[in-house]
N, C-alpha and C. Protein backbone atom coordinates (compact mmCIF):
# COMPACT_ATOMS: atom_id res chain seq x y z
N MET A 1 -7.30 34.83 -14.03
CA MET A 1 -7.32 33.15 -14.22
C MET A 1 -8.76 32.54 -14.78
N SER A 2 -8.15 31.75 -15.50
CA SER A 2 -9.76 30.87 -15.68
C SER A 2 -10.03 29.65 -14.78
N ILE A 3 -11.26 29.39 -14.94
CA ILE A 3 -11.86 28.58 -14.18
C ILE A 3 -10.81 26.90 -14.73
N GLU A 4 -10.51 26.56 -15.81
CA GLU A 4 -9.56 25.57 -16.26
C GLU A 4 -8.17 25.44 -15.39
N SER A 5 -7.80 26.82 -15.36
CA SER A 5 -6.54 27.13 -14.93
C SER A 5 -6.40 26.76 -13.58
N ALA A 6 -7.15 27.36 -12.64
CA ALA A 6 -7.61 27.37 -11.18
C ALA A 6 -7.90 25.26 -10.69
N ILE A 7 -8.31 25.14 -11.65
CA ILE A 7 -8.62 23.61 -11.45
C ILE A 7 -7.12 22.98 -11.67
N VAL A 8 -6.75 23.40 -12.67
CA VAL A 8 -5.42 22.47 -12.82
C VAL A 8 -4.30 23.33 -11.76
N GLU A 9 -4.38 24.40 -11.54
CA GLU A 9 -3.40 24.62 -10.14
C GLU A 9 -3.49 23.82 -8.81
N THR A 10 -5.21 23.77 -8.75
CA THR A 10 -5.57 22.90 -7.23
C THR A 10 -5.26 21.45 -7.34
N LEU A 11 -4.91 21.07 -8.89
CA LEU A 11 -4.89 19.79 -8.71
C LEU A 11 -3.43 19.18 -9.24
N ASN A 12 -2.67 20.37 -9.45
CA ASN A 12 -0.85 20.03 -9.40
C ASN A 12 -0.29 18.77 -9.12
N GLY A 13 -0.16 18.12 -9.68
CA GLY A 13 0.88 16.95 -9.53
C GLY A 13 -0.29 15.48 -9.61
N PHE A 14 -1.53 15.62 -9.99
CA PHE A 14 -2.22 14.45 -10.54
C PHE A 14 -2.10 14.37 -11.89
N SER A 15 -2.51 13.16 -11.92
CA SER A 15 -2.35 12.97 -13.38
C SER A 15 -3.18 13.63 -14.75
N PRO A 16 -2.82 13.78 -15.56
CA PRO A 16 -3.82 14.45 -16.77
C PRO A 16 -5.09 13.87 -16.72
N SER A 17 -5.71 12.64 -16.65
CA SER A 17 -6.59 12.18 -16.74
C SER A 17 -7.56 12.33 -15.52
N VAL A 18 -6.57 13.05 -14.80
CA VAL A 18 -7.72 13.11 -13.51
C VAL A 18 -8.01 14.55 -13.00
N VAL A 19 -7.15 15.32 -13.76
CA VAL A 19 -7.39 16.96 -14.02
C VAL A 19 -8.67 16.89 -15.39
N VAL A 20 -8.56 16.32 -15.97
CA VAL A 20 -9.40 16.55 -17.25
C VAL A 20 -11.29 16.11 -16.40
N VAL A 21 -10.96 14.54 -15.72
CA VAL A 21 -12.09 14.67 -15.42
C VAL A 21 -12.93 15.56 -14.24
N ALA A 22 -11.50 16.22 -13.64
CA ALA A 22 -12.23 16.99 -12.65
C ALA A 22 -12.77 18.65 -13.52
N ILE A 23 -12.26 18.66 -14.58
CA ILE A 23 -12.57 19.88 -14.99
C ILE A 23 -13.85 19.71 -15.66
N ALA A 24 -14.34 18.48 -16.18
CA ALA A 24 -15.48 17.82 -17.00
C ALA A 24 -16.65 18.23 -15.67
N MET A 25 -16.41 17.51 -14.52
CA MET A 25 -17.09 17.87 -13.23
C MET A 25 -17.51 19.22 -12.95
N PHE A 26 -16.84 20.32 -13.25
CA PHE A 26 -17.13 21.41 -12.82
C PHE A 26 -18.46 22.27 -13.87
N PRO A 27 -19.34 22.56 -12.95
CA PRO A 27 -20.50 23.58 -13.61
C PRO A 27 -20.00 24.17 -14.17
N VAL A 28 -20.61 24.81 -15.43
CA VAL A 28 -20.52 25.73 -16.54
C VAL A 28 -19.21 25.68 -17.24
N VAL A 29 -18.47 24.91 -16.67
CA VAL A 29 -17.19 24.43 -17.65
C VAL A 29 -17.55 23.23 -18.37
N GLU A 30 -17.79 21.92 -17.84
CA GLU A 30 -18.45 20.62 -17.94
C GLU A 30 -17.34 20.46 -19.28
N LEU A 31 -17.79 19.50 -20.10
CA LEU A 31 -17.03 18.69 -21.26
C LEU A 31 -16.70 20.06 -22.09
N ARG A 32 -17.41 20.71 -22.17
CA ARG A 32 -17.18 22.05 -23.09
C ARG A 32 -15.63 22.43 -23.11
N GLY A 33 -15.40 22.50 -21.78
CA GLY A 33 -13.99 23.05 -21.54
C GLY A 33 -12.69 21.76 -21.47
N ALA A 34 -13.42 20.81 -20.99
CA ALA A 34 -12.61 19.69 -20.64
C ALA A 34 -11.87 18.94 -21.54
N ILE A 35 -13.02 18.87 -22.99
CA ILE A 35 -12.37 18.64 -24.25
C ILE A 35 -11.37 19.34 -24.56
N PRO A 36 -11.62 20.31 -25.21
CA PRO A 36 -10.53 21.27 -26.01
C PRO A 36 -8.87 21.31 -24.94
N PHE A 37 -9.29 21.62 -23.68
CA PHE A 37 -8.29 21.65 -22.84
C PHE A 37 -7.25 20.25 -22.79
N ALA A 38 -8.06 19.15 -22.59
CA ALA A 38 -7.44 17.80 -22.77
C ALA A 38 -6.24 17.73 -24.07
N LEU A 39 -7.05 18.01 -25.14
CA LEU A 39 -6.68 18.23 -26.48
C LEU A 39 -5.15 19.06 -26.77
N LEU A 40 -5.61 20.22 -26.32
CA LEU A 40 -4.39 21.23 -26.27
C LEU A 40 -3.54 21.10 -25.38
N ASN A 41 -3.88 21.17 -24.14
CA ASN A 41 -2.97 21.24 -22.94
C ASN A 41 -1.81 19.70 -22.76
N TYR A 42 -2.90 18.58 -22.89
CA TYR A 42 -2.12 17.12 -22.88
C TYR A 42 -1.85 16.67 -23.60
N GLY A 43 -1.91 17.01 -25.22
CA GLY A 43 -1.97 16.24 -26.24
C GLY A 43 -2.71 14.81 -26.51
N MET A 44 -3.61 15.02 -25.70
CA MET A 44 -4.52 13.58 -25.57
C MET A 44 -5.24 13.36 -27.16
N SER A 45 -5.48 11.72 -26.92
CA SER A 45 -6.33 11.68 -28.41
C SER A 45 -7.56 12.00 -28.06
N PRO A 46 -8.33 12.31 -29.06
CA PRO A 46 -9.79 12.80 -29.44
C PRO A 46 -10.40 11.64 -28.29
N SER A 47 -10.22 9.96 -28.66
CA SER A 47 -11.13 9.24 -27.86
C SER A 47 -10.74 9.41 -26.51
N GLU A 48 -9.67 9.54 -25.96
CA GLU A 48 -9.43 9.50 -24.81
C GLU A 48 -10.13 10.98 -24.25
N ALA A 49 -9.70 11.82 -24.49
CA ALA A 49 -10.64 13.68 -23.86
C ALA A 49 -11.89 13.27 -24.08
N TYR A 50 -12.52 12.55 -25.09
CA TYR A 50 -14.03 12.46 -24.84
C TYR A 50 -14.25 11.59 -23.84
N ALA A 51 -13.59 10.41 -23.83
CA ALA A 51 -14.34 9.57 -22.66
C ALA A 51 -14.01 9.69 -21.37
N LEU A 52 -12.93 10.52 -21.34
CA LEU A 52 -12.82 11.16 -19.64
C LEU A 52 -13.43 12.56 -19.44
N SER A 53 -13.80 12.97 -20.47
CA SER A 53 -14.81 14.21 -20.23
C SER A 53 -16.18 13.83 -20.31
N VAL A 54 -16.84 13.02 -20.99
CA VAL A 54 -18.05 12.41 -20.76
C VAL A 54 -17.99 11.94 -19.36
N PHE A 55 -17.25 10.54 -18.65
CA PHE A 55 -17.36 10.28 -17.21
C PHE A 55 -17.22 11.38 -16.57
N GLY A 56 -16.28 12.45 -16.60
CA GLY A 56 -16.30 13.26 -15.51
C GLY A 56 -17.59 14.20 -15.40
N ASN A 57 -17.92 14.51 -16.84
CA ASN A 57 -19.34 15.51 -16.80
C ASN A 57 -20.73 14.53 -16.24
N LEU A 58 -20.69 13.09 -16.30
CA LEU A 58 -21.57 12.69 -16.09
C LEU A 58 -21.78 12.16 -14.42
N LEU A 59 -20.47 12.27 -13.61
CA LEU A 59 -20.49 12.09 -12.20
C LEU A 59 -21.32 12.74 -11.31
N PRO A 60 -21.17 13.75 -11.77
CA PRO A 60 -22.39 14.74 -10.79
C PRO A 60 -24.06 14.68 -11.05
N VAL A 61 -24.26 13.66 -12.33
CA VAL A 61 -25.38 13.98 -12.63
C VAL A 61 -26.48 13.26 -11.42
N LEU A 62 -26.12 12.03 -11.50
CA LEU A 62 -27.18 11.25 -10.60
C LEU A 62 -27.06 11.58 -9.18
N PRO A 63 -26.32 12.35 -8.22
CA PRO A 63 -26.28 12.86 -6.91
C PRO A 63 -27.06 14.01 -7.47
N LEU A 64 -26.97 14.88 -8.38
CA LEU A 64 -27.94 16.05 -8.50
C LEU A 64 -29.42 15.49 -8.82
N LEU A 65 -29.30 14.67 -9.46
CA LEU A 65 -31.12 14.35 -9.89
C LEU A 65 -31.71 13.54 -8.33
N LEU A 66 -30.69 12.96 -7.57
CA LEU A 66 -31.66 12.39 -6.27
C LEU A 66 -31.44 13.62 -5.27
N PHE A 67 -30.52 14.35 -4.91
CA PHE A 67 -30.40 15.17 -4.20
C PHE A 67 -30.70 16.33 -4.01
N LEU A 68 -30.82 16.94 -5.38
CA LEU A 68 -31.51 18.32 -5.47
C LEU A 68 -32.73 18.80 -4.86
N GLU A 69 -33.57 18.29 -5.10
CA GLU A 69 -34.88 18.70 -4.40
C GLU A 69 -34.45 18.50 -2.61
N PRO A 70 -33.95 17.65 -2.16
CA PRO A 70 -34.18 17.94 -0.37
C PRO A 70 -32.81 19.28 -0.19
N VAL A 71 -31.98 19.12 -1.05
CA VAL A 71 -30.80 20.42 -0.66
C VAL A 71 -31.28 21.81 -0.77
N GLU A 72 -32.04 21.77 -2.17
CA GLU A 72 -32.82 22.94 -1.96
C GLU A 72 -33.71 23.26 -0.83
N LYS A 73 -34.56 22.38 -0.57
CA LYS A 73 -35.41 22.71 0.45
C LYS A 73 -34.89 23.03 1.51
N PHE A 74 -33.67 22.16 1.92
CA PHE A 74 -33.22 22.56 3.07
C PHE A 74 -32.39 24.31 3.10
N LEU A 75 -31.62 24.42 1.96
CA LEU A 75 -31.04 25.76 1.74
C LEU A 75 -32.23 26.79 1.71
N ARG A 76 -33.34 26.89 1.47
CA ARG A 76 -33.77 27.95 0.79
C ARG A 76 -34.32 28.47 2.38
N ARG A 77 -34.28 27.81 3.33
CA ARG A 77 -34.30 28.28 4.60
C ARG A 77 -33.59 29.82 4.74
N SER A 78 -32.44 29.81 3.93
CA SER A 78 -31.52 31.26 4.23
C SER A 78 -32.25 32.06 3.01
N SER A 79 -32.35 33.40 3.58
CA SER A 79 -32.48 34.16 1.88
C SER A 79 -31.93 34.08 0.93
N ILE A 80 -30.57 34.22 1.22
CA ILE A 80 -29.27 34.41 0.37
C ILE A 80 -29.59 32.90 -0.76
N PHE A 81 -29.47 31.81 -0.12
CA PHE A 81 -30.22 30.61 -1.18
C PHE A 81 -31.47 30.90 -1.70
N ASP A 82 -31.93 31.22 -0.77
CA ASP A 82 -33.80 31.17 -1.69
C ASP A 82 -33.66 32.38 -2.40
N LYS A 83 -32.91 33.25 -3.05
CA LYS A 83 -32.99 33.90 -3.98
C LYS A 83 -31.75 33.51 -5.06
N PHE A 84 -31.01 32.69 -4.54
CA PHE A 84 -30.11 32.12 -5.64
C PHE A 84 -30.94 30.75 -6.19
N PHE A 85 -32.01 30.32 -5.68
CA PHE A 85 -32.70 29.31 -6.12
C PHE A 85 -33.88 30.05 -7.09
N ASP A 86 -34.20 30.84 -6.85
CA ASP A 86 -35.31 31.52 -7.63
C ASP A 86 -34.51 32.06 -8.87
N TRP A 87 -33.37 32.63 -8.92
CA TRP A 87 -32.80 33.24 -9.93
C TRP A 87 -32.18 31.74 -10.90
N LEU A 88 -31.34 30.72 -10.26
CA LEU A 88 -31.09 30.03 -10.98
C LEU A 88 -32.28 28.83 -11.81
N PHE A 89 -33.62 28.71 -10.93
CA PHE A 89 -34.89 28.30 -11.64
C PHE A 89 -35.36 28.98 -12.29
N SER A 90 -35.42 30.55 -12.58
CA SER A 90 -36.06 31.06 -13.57
C SER A 90 -35.05 30.99 -14.54
N ARG A 91 -33.78 31.20 -14.48
CA ARG A 91 -32.80 31.20 -15.78
C ARG A 91 -33.16 29.82 -16.61
N THR A 92 -32.95 28.89 -15.60
CA THR A 92 -33.51 27.34 -16.47
C THR A 92 -34.58 27.35 -16.72
N ARG A 93 -35.54 27.81 -16.29
CA ARG A 93 -37.22 27.71 -17.14
C ARG A 93 -36.81 28.51 -18.01
N LYS A 94 -36.37 29.52 -18.45
CA LYS A 94 -36.41 30.41 -19.27
C LYS A 94 -35.89 29.93 -20.52
N ASN A 95 -34.48 28.94 -20.28
CA ASN A 95 -33.58 28.62 -21.33
C ASN A 95 -34.11 26.91 -21.55
N ALA A 96 -35.15 26.52 -20.98
CA ALA A 96 -35.25 25.10 -21.29
C ALA A 96 -36.64 24.86 -21.68
N GLU A 97 -37.84 25.85 -21.24
CA GLU A 97 -39.17 25.87 -21.32
C GLU A 97 -39.63 25.27 -22.72
N LYS A 98 -39.24 25.81 -23.73
CA LYS A 98 -39.61 25.67 -25.26
C LYS A 98 -39.36 23.93 -25.93
N ASN A 99 -37.99 23.53 -25.10
CA ASN A 99 -37.81 22.21 -25.87
C ASN A 99 -38.48 21.02 -24.79
N ILE A 100 -38.39 21.30 -23.20
CA ILE A 100 -38.97 20.47 -22.39
C ILE A 100 -40.33 20.18 -22.52
N GLN A 101 -41.03 21.67 -22.21
CA GLN A 101 -42.31 21.42 -22.23
C GLN A 101 -43.40 20.35 -23.20
N LYS A 102 -42.12 21.07 -24.46
CA LYS A 102 -43.15 20.04 -25.62
C LYS A 102 -42.41 18.99 -25.79
N TYR A 103 -41.54 18.32 -25.55
CA TYR A 103 -40.86 17.14 -25.85
C TYR A 103 -40.13 16.59 -24.65
N GLY A 104 -40.36 16.53 -23.75
CA GLY A 104 -40.13 16.07 -22.27
C GLY A 104 -38.75 15.70 -22.45
N ALA A 105 -38.54 14.20 -22.02
CA ALA A 105 -37.34 13.90 -21.57
C ALA A 105 -36.39 14.13 -23.15
N LEU A 106 -36.96 13.72 -24.45
CA LEU A 106 -36.26 13.97 -25.74
C LEU A 106 -35.67 15.54 -25.96
N GLY A 107 -36.64 16.68 -25.43
CA GLY A 107 -36.21 17.86 -25.25
C GLY A 107 -35.19 18.27 -24.15
N LEU A 108 -35.24 17.39 -23.12
CA LEU A 108 -34.12 17.44 -22.45
C LEU A 108 -32.66 16.77 -22.71
N ALA A 109 -32.75 15.56 -23.62
CA ALA A 109 -31.64 15.28 -24.28
C ALA A 109 -31.19 16.00 -25.00
N VAL A 110 -31.90 16.96 -25.91
CA VAL A 110 -31.48 17.76 -26.96
C VAL A 110 -30.79 18.92 -26.39
N PHE A 111 -31.66 19.70 -25.31
CA PHE A 111 -31.06 20.87 -24.62
C PHE A 111 -29.71 20.56 -23.84
N VAL A 112 -29.49 19.53 -23.41
CA VAL A 112 -28.39 18.87 -22.80
C VAL A 112 -27.24 18.84 -23.89
N ALA A 113 -27.53 18.26 -24.91
CA ALA A 113 -26.44 18.00 -26.31
C ALA A 113 -26.09 19.50 -27.01
N VAL A 114 -26.72 20.58 -26.47
CA VAL A 114 -26.55 21.80 -27.21
C VAL A 114 -25.45 22.37 -26.48
N PRO A 115 -23.82 22.61 -27.10
CA PRO A 115 -23.03 22.71 -26.25
C PRO A 115 -23.02 24.40 -26.18
N LEU A 116 -23.86 25.00 -25.78
CA LEU A 116 -23.56 26.37 -25.64
C LEU A 116 -23.50 26.70 -23.75
N PRO A 117 -23.26 27.90 -23.35
CA PRO A 117 -23.57 28.27 -22.07
C PRO A 117 -24.73 28.28 -21.58
N ALA A 118 -24.58 27.48 -20.28
CA ALA A 118 -26.12 27.36 -19.64
C ALA A 118 -26.93 26.63 -20.27
N THR A 119 -26.58 25.43 -20.83
CA THR A 119 -26.79 24.17 -21.21
C THR A 119 -25.68 23.03 -20.38
N GLY A 120 -25.97 21.84 -20.48
CA GLY A 120 -25.22 21.11 -20.36
C GLY A 120 -26.00 20.27 -19.14
N ALA A 121 -25.33 19.03 -18.39
CA ALA A 121 -25.78 18.24 -17.56
C ALA A 121 -26.25 18.75 -15.97
N TRP A 122 -25.50 19.86 -15.50
CA TRP A 122 -25.66 20.59 -14.30
C TRP A 122 -27.27 21.19 -14.35
N THR A 123 -27.15 22.11 -15.64
CA THR A 123 -28.72 22.58 -15.83
C THR A 123 -29.41 21.75 -16.34
N GLY A 124 -29.30 20.79 -17.36
CA GLY A 124 -30.32 19.55 -17.50
C GLY A 124 -30.73 19.10 -16.17
N ALA A 125 -30.08 18.61 -15.21
CA ALA A 125 -30.61 18.26 -14.04
C ALA A 125 -31.15 19.33 -13.31
N ALA A 126 -30.93 20.18 -13.04
CA ALA A 126 -31.90 21.40 -12.71
C ALA A 126 -33.10 21.38 -13.22
N ALA A 127 -33.18 21.13 -14.57
CA ALA A 127 -34.25 21.50 -15.62
C ALA A 127 -35.43 20.06 -15.42
N ALA A 128 -34.82 19.10 -15.04
CA ALA A 128 -35.48 17.66 -14.99
C ALA A 128 -36.27 18.11 -13.74
N TYR A 129 -35.47 18.80 -12.92
CA TYR A 129 -36.00 18.72 -11.58
C TYR A 129 -37.30 19.69 -11.42
N ILE A 130 -37.18 20.79 -12.05
CA ILE A 130 -38.32 22.20 -12.46
C ILE A 130 -39.34 21.50 -12.90
N PHE A 131 -38.97 20.73 -14.21
CA PHE A 131 -40.19 20.49 -15.22
C PHE A 131 -40.70 18.76 -14.41
N GLY A 132 -40.21 18.21 -13.22
CA GLY A 132 -40.84 17.04 -12.99
C GLY A 132 -40.53 15.60 -13.54
N ILE A 133 -39.41 15.84 -14.97
CA ILE A 133 -39.30 14.86 -15.30
C ILE A 133 -38.77 13.70 -14.29
N LYS A 134 -39.10 12.32 -14.37
CA LYS A 134 -38.78 11.12 -13.70
C LYS A 134 -37.12 10.82 -13.80
N HIS A 135 -36.86 10.50 -12.62
CA HIS A 135 -35.66 9.74 -12.89
C HIS A 135 -35.15 8.87 -14.04
N ARG A 136 -35.98 8.05 -13.98
CA ARG A 136 -35.99 7.23 -15.03
C ARG A 136 -36.03 7.47 -16.48
N TYR A 137 -36.68 8.63 -16.86
CA TYR A 137 -36.73 9.23 -18.36
C TYR A 137 -35.48 10.56 -18.03
N SER A 138 -35.17 11.18 -17.03
CA SER A 138 -34.10 12.06 -17.30
C SER A 138 -32.44 11.66 -17.24
N PHE A 139 -32.32 10.75 -16.22
CA PHE A 139 -31.18 10.09 -16.27
C PHE A 139 -30.46 9.62 -17.65
N PRO A 140 -31.51 8.97 -18.56
CA PRO A 140 -31.15 8.56 -19.63
C PRO A 140 -30.87 9.39 -20.42
N ALA A 141 -31.70 10.60 -20.54
CA ALA A 141 -32.00 11.65 -21.43
C ALA A 141 -30.52 12.47 -21.18
N ILE A 142 -30.24 12.97 -20.27
CA ILE A 142 -29.08 13.73 -19.56
C ILE A 142 -28.11 12.83 -20.24
N VAL A 143 -27.81 11.77 -20.17
CA VAL A 143 -26.61 10.86 -20.80
C VAL A 143 -26.55 11.02 -22.17
N LEU A 144 -27.70 10.65 -23.04
CA LEU A 144 -27.69 11.15 -24.23
C LEU A 144 -27.23 12.72 -24.85
N GLY A 145 -27.75 13.33 -24.23
CA GLY A 145 -27.33 14.79 -24.45
C GLY A 145 -25.68 14.99 -24.03
N VAL A 146 -25.19 14.53 -22.85
CA VAL A 146 -23.91 14.48 -22.67
C VAL A 146 -23.08 13.87 -23.94
N LEU A 147 -23.38 12.59 -24.16
CA LEU A 147 -22.49 11.73 -25.19
C LEU A 147 -22.70 12.64 -26.50
N LEU A 148 -23.82 13.26 -27.02
CA LEU A 148 -23.75 14.36 -28.25
C LEU A 148 -23.17 15.28 -28.10
N ALA A 149 -23.28 16.06 -26.91
CA ALA A 149 -22.58 17.36 -26.65
C ALA A 149 -21.03 16.64 -26.86
N GLY A 150 -20.36 15.64 -26.33
CA GLY A 150 -18.85 15.19 -26.54
C GLY A 150 -18.65 15.14 -27.54
N MET A 151 -19.53 14.60 -28.63
CA MET A 151 -19.04 14.61 -30.08
C MET A 151 -19.21 15.72 -30.80
N ILE A 152 -20.21 16.61 -30.50
CA ILE A 152 -19.97 17.90 -31.18
C ILE A 152 -18.65 18.69 -31.02
N VAL A 153 -18.51 18.88 -29.17
CA VAL A 153 -17.08 19.53 -28.86
C VAL A 153 -16.05 18.98 -29.58
N THR A 154 -15.95 17.57 -29.12
CA THR A 154 -14.69 17.23 -29.72
C THR A 154 -14.25 17.22 -31.24
N LEU A 155 -15.61 17.24 -32.23
CA LEU A 155 -15.59 17.74 -33.56
C LEU A 155 -15.02 18.62 -33.64
N ALA A 156 -15.63 19.67 -33.24
CA ALA A 156 -15.63 21.04 -33.47
C ALA A 156 -14.03 21.45 -32.74
N SER A 157 -13.55 20.67 -31.62
CA SER A 157 -12.22 21.18 -31.18
C SER A 157 -11.21 20.46 -32.27
N LEU A 158 -11.56 19.35 -33.02
CA LEU A 158 -10.22 18.99 -34.00
C LEU A 158 -10.82 19.98 -35.61
N GLY A 159 -11.66 20.97 -35.36
CA GLY A 159 -11.82 21.60 -37.09
C GLY A 159 -12.49 20.68 -37.75
N ILE A 160 -13.17 19.64 -37.32
CA ILE A 160 -14.08 18.99 -38.52
C ILE A 160 -15.54 19.65 -38.67
N LEU A 161 -15.91 20.07 -37.62
CA LEU A 161 -17.11 20.34 -37.69
C LEU A 161 -16.99 22.44 -36.67
N LYS A 162 -17.84 23.16 -37.77
CA LYS A 162 -17.66 24.59 -37.35
C LYS A 162 -18.97 24.86 -36.68
N ILE A 163 -18.79 25.37 -35.63
CA ILE A 163 -19.86 26.19 -34.54
C ILE A 163 -20.43 27.42 -34.56
């Protein structure tokens, strides 16, 4: 069962809009899965699929930026979470370091905009934390990246853009 299917099954009875927003909020899937899902399963218009998916993908960003540090510090008391954060931050650093070290918040926006696995708003928030990008720069950069990723995924889902 795919992540999208599990979310849809859990949200059975909710409106398609709520389901699409929920899929877009979920890490890994984000709007990269929500837009094609909305277009194919619900027959939404591209603009509706885009708007709902961008909204859902952005909902967790500010809480992630504000609370990742205190949550990480609290959870690292457990060896399991300590290993998880070591793995997560090592992977994020490896994937994002080249762009973000060189270009800062602009590199973060490009990193988030690339619609590939291990990029996106969740990883972008982790990267902003790891590289010490201030919230006043990281939040707009992640928003810009999500908006661009949404356009790319929508155009690719419609067959207008080949990835």
